[in-house]
Amino acid sequence: MKITTKLWIGVGALIILSPLGLIIPDHFKAGSAWGEWGADEMQKLVGYVPKGLEKLSGLWKAPMPDYAFKGWEEKPLAGLSIAYIASAVIGILTCIAVAFLLAKFLSWKRKEK
């Protein structure tokens, strides 16, 4: 088996396992996944919002907040799991496209010299 085939099998397995970040916290009634807190959740957890987080929290708005499609926030766990998988696929395809374009750009610059 080629190394690239093993890579894609591993990536596929990670895509399928991505809903665990949603299922495990829900199963243990833990709230959101560790480290994925916004300013409002940080206020609830520790009683204040760090100045850096407060200052930078409005800087970036995620294209798929909470890894779900717009309007899917209140769907049952199975629907949200599908959104998590779709989010993983979209993220991986975006990373591949950026890497491919960067490689093309860098090889194009090298050919000119």
C-alpha atoms as a PDB file:
ATOM      1  CA  MET A   1       0.000   0.000   0.000  1.00  0.00           C
ATOM      2  CA  LYS A   2       1.396   3.385  -0.998  1.00  0.00           C
ATOM      3  CA  ILE A   3       2.104   6.003   1.639  1.00  0.00           C
ATOM      4  CA  THR A   4      -0.388   8.436   0.057  1.00  0.00           C
ATOM      5  CA  THR A   5      -3.112   5.796   0.296  1.00  0.00           C
ATOM      6  CA  LYS A   6      -2.335   5.368   3.987  1.00  0.00           C
ATOM      7  CA  LEU A   7      -2.424   9.157   4.398  1.00  0.00           C
ATOM      8  CA  TRP A   8      -5.880   9.437   2.817  1.00  0.00           C
ATOM      9  CA  ILE A   9      -7.191   6.517   4.896  1.00  0.00           C
ATOM     10  CA  GLY A  10      -5.948   8.322   8.027  1.00  0.00           C
ATOM     11  CA  VAL A  11      -7.500  11.610   6.934  1.00  0.00           C
ATOM     12  CA  GLY A  12     -10.777   9.827   6.184  1.00  0.00           C
ATOM     13  CA  ALA A  13     -10.754   8.222   9.624  1.00  0.00           C
ATOM     14  CA  LEU A  14     -10.177  11.614  11.261  1.00  0.00           C
ATOM     15  CA  ILE A  15     -13.072  13.089   9.251  1.00  0.00           C
ATOM     16  CA  ILE A  16     -15.396  10.315  10.414  1.00  0.00           C
ATOM     17  CA  LEU A  17     -14.208  10.744  14.037  1.00  0.00           C
ATOM     18  CA  SER A  18     -14.617  14.546  14.027  1.00  0.00           C
ATOM     19  CA  PRO A  19     -18.113  14.463  15.586  1.00  0.00           C
ATOM     20  CA  LEU A  20     -16.517  13.057  18.771  1.00  0.00           C
ATOM     21  CA  GLY A  21     -15.735  16.682  19.667  1.00  0.00           C
ATOM     22  CA  LEU A  22     -19.489  17.205  19.787  1.00  0.00           C
ATOM     23  CA  ILE A  23     -20.662  13.853  21.128  1.00  0.00           C
ATOM     24  CA  ILE A  24     -18.254  13.414  24.070  1.00  0.00           C
ATOM     25  CA  PRO A  25     -18.921  16.802  25.746  1.00  0.00           C
ATOM     26  CA  ASP A  26     -22.670  16.244  25.249  1.00  0.00           C
ATOM     27  CA  HIS A  27     -22.485  12.739  26.731  1.00  0.00           C
ATOM     28  CA  PHE A  28     -20.657  13.938  29.844  1.00  0.00           C
ATOM     29  CA  LYS A  29     -22.734  17.164  30.117  1.00  0.00           C
ATOM     30  CA  ALA A  30     -19.470  19.118  29.897  1.00  0.00           C
ATOM     31  CA  GLY A  31     -20.706  22.069  27.841  1.00  0.00           C
ATOM     32  CA  SER A  32     -18.492  23.001  24.929  1.00  0.00           C
ATOM     33  CA  ALA A  33     -15.278  21.253  23.968  1.00  0.00           C
ATOM     34  CA  TRP A  34     -12.175  22.188  25.944  1.00  0.00           C
ATOM     35  CA  GLY A  35     -10.481  25.313  24.622  1.00  0.00           C
ATOM     36  CA  GLU A  36     -13.273  26.321  22.248  1.00  0.00           C
ATOM     37  CA  TRP A  37     -14.642  28.979  24.538  1.00  0.00           C
ATOM     38  CA  GLY A  38     -15.780  32.365  23.369  1.00  0.00           C
ATOM     39  CA  ALA A  39     -15.678  35.492  25.501  1.00  0.00           C
ATOM     40  CA  ASP A  40     -19.155  34.816  26.925  1.00  0.00           C
ATOM     41  CA  GLU A  41     -18.247  31.261  27.980  1.00  0.00           C
ATOM     42  CA  MET A  42     -14.960  32.458  29.465  1.00  0.00           C
ATOM     43  CA  GLN A  43     -16.922  34.967  31.572  1.00  0.00           C
ATOM     44  CA  LYS A  44     -19.087  32.136  32.917  1.00  0.00           C
ATOM     45  CA  LEU A  45     -16.139  29.796  33.564  1.00  0.00           C
ATOM     46  CA  VAL A  46     -13.650  32.072  35.300  1.00  0.00           C
ATOM     47  CA  GLY A  47     -15.637  35.193  36.135  1.00  0.00           C
ATOM     48  CA  TYR A  48     -13.852  37.588  33.780  1.00  0.00           C
ATOM     49  CA  VAL A  49     -12.683  37.890  30.181  1.00  0.00           C
ATOM     50  CA  PRO A  50      -8.931  38.295  29.657  1.00  0.00           C
ATOM     51  CA  LYS A  51      -8.114  41.656  28.029  1.00  0.00           C
ATOM     52  CA  GLY A  52      -6.433  40.061  25.009  1.00  0.00           C
ATOM     53  CA  LEU A  53      -9.416  37.820  24.326  1.00  0.00           C
ATOM     54  CA  GLU A  54     -11.825  40.696  24.780  1.00  0.00           C
ATOM     55  CA  LYS A  55      -9.830  42.874  22.390  1.00  0.00           C
ATOM     56  CA  LEU A  56      -9.442  40.229  19.678  1.00  0.00           C
ATOM     57  CA  SER A  57     -12.754  38.361  19.996  1.00  0.00           C
ATOM     58  CA  GLY A  58     -14.497  40.438  17.326  1.00  0.00           C
ATOM     59  CA  LEU A  59     -11.590  40.279  14.873  1.00  0.00           C
ATOM     60  CA  TRP A  60     -12.603  37.046  13.130  1.00  0.00           C
ATOM     61  CA  LYS A  61     -16.023  35.644  12.360  1.00  0.00           C
ATOM     62  CA  ALA A  62     -15.921  31.975  11.439  1.00  0.00           C
ATOM     63  CA  PRO A  63     -17.525  31.020   8.119  1.00  0.00           C
ATOM     64  CA  MET A  64     -19.202  28.064   9.886  1.00  0.00           C
ATOM     65  CA  PRO A  65     -19.684  29.082  13.529  1.00  0.00           C
ATOM     66  CA  ASP A  66     -19.804  26.051  15.831  1.00  0.00           C
ATOM     67  CA  TYR A  67     -18.972  23.875  12.790  1.00  0.00           C
ATOM     68  CA  ALA A  68     -22.604  23.987  11.666  1.00  0.00           C
ATOM     69  CA  PHE A  69     -24.451  25.428   8.708  1.00  0.00           C
ATOM     70  CA  LYS A  70     -26.498  28.559   9.229  1.00  0.00           C
ATOM     71  CA  GLY A  71     -29.807  27.591  10.834  1.00  0.00           C
ATOM     72  CA  TRP A  72     -28.558  24.163  11.980  1.00  0.00           C
ATOM     73  CA  GLU A  73     -27.601  25.262  15.501  1.00  0.00           C
ATOM     74  CA  GLU A  74     -30.672  23.667  17.097  1.00  0.00           C
ATOM     75  CA  LYS A  75     -30.659  20.420  15.110  1.00  0.00           C
ATOM     76  CA  PRO A  76     -30.376  17.103  16.975  1.00  0.00           C
ATOM     77  CA  LEU A  77     -26.979  15.519  17.570  1.00  0.00           C
ATOM     78  CA  ALA A  78     -27.141  13.392  14.391  1.00  0.00           C
ATOM     79  CA  GLY A  79     -27.689  16.473  12.228  1.00  0.00           C
ATOM     80  CA  LEU A  80     -24.898  18.351  13.951  1.00  0.00           C
ATOM     81  CA  SER A  81     -22.609  15.348  13.439  1.00  0.00           C
ATOM     82  CA  ILE A  82     -23.227  15.588   9.690  1.00  0.00           C
ATOM     83  CA  ALA A  83     -22.368  19.288   9.851  1.00  0.00           C
ATOM     84  CA  TYR A  84     -19.133  18.454  11.738  1.00  0.00           C
ATOM     85  CA  ILE A  85     -18.140  15.980   9.022  1.00  0.00           C
ATOM     86  CA  ALA A  86     -18.977  18.509   6.298  1.00  0.00           C
ATOM     87  CA  SER A  87     -16.947  21.128   8.140  1.00  0.00           C
ATOM     88  CA  ALA A  88     -13.976  18.744   8.300  1.00  0.00           C
ATOM     89  CA  VAL A  89     -14.213  17.989   4.579  1.00  0.00           C
ATOM     90  CA  ILE A  90     -14.487  21.690   3.695  1.00  0.00           C
ATOM     91  CA  GLY A  91     -11.531  22.535   5.942  1.00  0.00           C
ATOM     92  CA  ILE A  92      -9.352  19.781   4.481  1.00  0.00           C
ATOM     93  CA  LEU A  93     -10.249  20.730   0.902  1.00  0.00           C
ATOM     94  CA  THR A  94      -9.446  24.363   1.682  1.00  0.00           C
ATOM     95  CA  CYS A  95      -6.050  23.412   3.136  1.00  0.00           C
ATOM     96  CA  ILE A  96      -5.287  21.233   0.098  1.00  0.00           C
ATOM     97  CA  ALA A  97      -6.278  24.036  -2.300  1.00  0.00           C
ATOM     98  CA  VAL A  98      -4.137  26.610  -0.468  1.00  0.00           C
ATOM     99  CA  ALA A  99      -1.152  24.233  -0.368  1.00  0.00           C
ATOM    100  CA  PHE A 100      -1.575  23.409  -4.066  1.00  0.00           C
ATOM    101  CA  LEU A 101      -1.822  27.085  -5.060  1.00  0.00           C
ATOM    102  CA  LEU A 102       1.171  27.967  -2.893  1.00  0.00           C
ATOM    103  CA  ALA A 103       3.213  25.148  -4.455  1.00  0.00           C
ATOM    104  CA  LYS A 104       2.218  26.309  -7.957  1.00  0.00           C
ATOM    105  CA  PHE A 105       3.126  29.899  -7.116  1.00  0.00           C
ATOM    106  CA  LEU A 106       6.483  28.965  -5.630  1.00  0.00           C
ATOM    107  CA  SER A 107       7.395  26.648  -8.514  1.00  0.00           C
ATOM    108  CA  TRP A 108       6.316  29.305 -11.043  1.00  0.00           C
ATOM    109  CA  LYS A 109       8.578  31.878  -9.400  1.00  0.00           C
ATOM    110  CA  ARG A 110      11.495  29.423  -9.482  1.00  0.00           C
ATOM    111  CA  LYS A 111      11.006  28.663 -13.213  1.00  0.00           C
ATOM    112  CA  GLU A 112      11.225  32.361 -14.095  1.00  0.00           C
ATOM    113  CA  LYS A 113      14.771  32.701 -12.729  1.00  0.00           C
END
